[in-house]
C-alpha atoms as a PDB file:
ATOM      1  CA  MET A   1      91.482 132.528 173.769  1.00  0.00           C
ATOM      2  CA  THR A   2      93.637 129.417 172.983  1.00  0.00           C
ATOM      3  CA  MET A   3      96.318 127.816 175.195  1.00  0.00           C
ATOM      4  CA  ASP A   4      99.596 126.135 173.779  1.00  0.00           C
ATOM      5  CA  LEU A   5      99.590 122.808 174.411  1.00  0.00           C
ATOM      6  CA  THR A   6     103.270 122.301 173.199  1.00  0.00           C
ATOM      7  CA  ARG A   7     104.526 123.220 176.596  1.00  0.00           C
ATOM      8  CA  ILE A   8     102.003 120.451 178.035  1.00  0.00           C
ATOM      9  CA  GLY A   9     102.657 117.507 175.705  1.00  0.00           C
ATOM     10  CA  PRO A  10     106.190 116.666 177.651  1.00  0.00           C
ATOM     11  CA  LEU A  11     104.557 116.554 180.979  1.00  0.00           C
ATOM     12  CA  TRP A  12     101.563 114.371 180.103  1.00  0.00           C
ATOM     13  CA  ARG A  13     104.239 112.065 177.732  1.00  0.00           C
ATOM     14  CA  GLY A  14     106.100 111.750 181.580  1.00  0.00           C
ATOM     15  CA  MET A  15     102.923 111.003 183.569  1.00  0.00           C
ATOM     16  CA  ALA A  16     102.089 107.952 180.957  1.00  0.00           C
ATOM     17  CA  GLU A  17     105.307 106.366 181.581  1.00  0.00           C
ATOM     18  CA  LYS A  18     104.849 106.705 184.790  1.00  0.00           C
ATOM     19  CA  PHE A  19     102.160 104.347 185.333  1.00  0.00           C
ATOM     20  CA  GLU A  20     103.587 102.018 182.717  1.00  0.00           C
ATOM     21  CA  LYS A  21     103.117  98.702 185.050  1.00  0.00           C
ATOM     22  CA  HIS A  22      99.728  99.709 186.256  1.00  0.00           C
ATOM     23  CA  LYS A  23      97.230  96.571 186.401  1.00  0.00           C
ATOM     24  CA  GLN A  24      99.767  94.085 184.695  1.00  0.00           C
ATOM     25  CA  PRO A  25      98.985  90.470 184.948  1.00  0.00           C
ATOM     26  CA  TRP A  26     100.657  88.545 187.390  1.00  0.00           C
ATOM     27  CA  THR A  27     103.370  86.447 186.115  1.00  0.00           C
ATOM     28  CA  ALA A  28     103.539  82.286 186.840  1.00  0.00           C
ATOM     29  CA  ALA A  29     106.816  83.207 188.873  1.00  0.00           C
ATOM     30  CA  GLU A  30     105.087  86.340 190.687  1.00  0.00           C
ATOM     31  CA  LEU A  31     102.506  83.381 191.724  1.00  0.00           C
ATOM     32  CA  GLU A  32     104.736  81.038 192.903  1.00  0.00           C
ATOM     33  CA  ARG A  33     106.996  83.735 194.548  1.00  0.00           C
ATOM     34  CA  LEU A  34     103.816  85.182 196.343  1.00  0.00           C
ATOM     35  CA  ARG A  35     102.787  81.538 197.553  1.00  0.00           C
ATOM     36  CA  THR A  36     105.819  80.688 198.922  1.00  0.00           C
ATOM     37  CA  LEU A  37     106.521  83.839 200.898  1.00  0.00           C
ATOM     38  CA  ALA A  38     102.670  83.642 202.207  1.00  0.00           C
ATOM     39  CA  LYS A  39     103.507  80.115 203.407  1.00  0.00           C
ATOM     40  CA  LYS A  40     106.419  81.652 205.290  1.00  0.00           C
ATOM     41  CA  GLY A  41     104.462  83.972 207.023  1.00  0.00           C
ATOM     42  CA  GLU A  42     105.598  87.302 205.297  1.00  0.00           C
ATOM     43  CA  THR A  43     103.526  90.469 205.067  1.00  0.00           C
ATOM     44  CA  ALA A  44     101.946  92.036 202.275  1.00  0.00           C
ATOM     45  CA  ARG A  45     104.402  94.921 202.207  1.00  0.00           C
ATOM     46  CA  GLY A  46     107.306  92.034 202.723  1.00  0.00           C
ATOM     47  CA  ILE A  47     106.100  90.334 199.480  1.00  0.00           C
ATOM     48  CA  GLY A  48     105.476  93.541 197.578  1.00  0.00           C
ATOM     49  CA  LYS A  49     108.983  94.757 198.196  1.00  0.00           C
ATOM     50  CA  ALA A  50     110.490  90.875 196.689  1.00  0.00           C
ATOM     51  CA  ILE A  51     108.164  91.076 193.672  1.00  0.00           C
ATOM     52  CA  LYS A  52     108.200  94.839 192.959  1.00  0.00           C
ATOM     53  CA  ARG A  53     104.171  95.121 193.287  1.00  0.00           C
ATOM     54  CA  THR A  54     101.831  97.434 195.531  1.00  0.00           C
ATOM     55  CA  GLU A  55     100.682  96.038 198.860  1.00  0.00           C
ATOM     56  CA  GLU A  56      97.246  96.598 197.980  1.00  0.00           C
ATOM     57  CA  SER A  57      98.092  94.532 194.830  1.00  0.00           C
ATOM     58  CA  VAL A  58      99.645  91.772 197.144  1.00  0.00           C
ATOM     59  CA  LYS A  59      96.415  91.519 199.279  1.00  0.00           C
ATOM     60  CA  ASP A  60      93.967  91.262 196.302  1.00  0.00           C
ATOM     61  CA  ARG A  61      96.037  88.742 194.763  1.00  0.00           C
ATOM     62  CA  ALA A  62      96.259  86.439 198.032  1.00  0.00           C
ATOM     63  CA  ARG A  63      92.903  86.652 198.475  1.00  0.00           C
ATOM     64  CA  LEU A  64      91.802  85.590 195.166  1.00  0.00           C
ATOM     65  CA  GLU A  65      94.202  82.760 195.962  1.00  0.00           C
ATOM     66  CA  GLY A  66      92.339  81.899 199.091  1.00  0.00           C
ATOM     67  CA  LEU A  67      95.960  82.574 200.967  1.00  0.00           C
ATOM     68  CA  THR A  68      96.580  83.914 204.292  1.00  0.00           C
ATOM     69  CA  LEU A  69      99.683  86.232 205.081  1.00  0.00           C
ATOM     70  CA  GLY A  70     101.652  87.317 207.792  1.00  0.00           C
ATOM     71  CA  SER A  71     100.820  89.928 210.472  1.00  0.00           C
ATOM     72  CA  PRO A  72     102.841  93.079 210.482  1.00  0.00           C
ATOM     73  CA  ARG A  73     103.799  92.890 214.426  1.00  0.00           C
END
């Protein structure tokens, strides 16, 4: 039995485009914004929205940079 892969093609292309920004390196501007917002006591969620990164990505990078993020309360 053979499978018609022509029907699956566009689906896979769409999935590849969806994760285009996955694991992108941090730019100098993003790092500066992270440091500034962290000093102001902003939460990881707020910083993530401001620089268009996930909350987890912000938390991980803040940990690497030795920064303390604000509490969500």
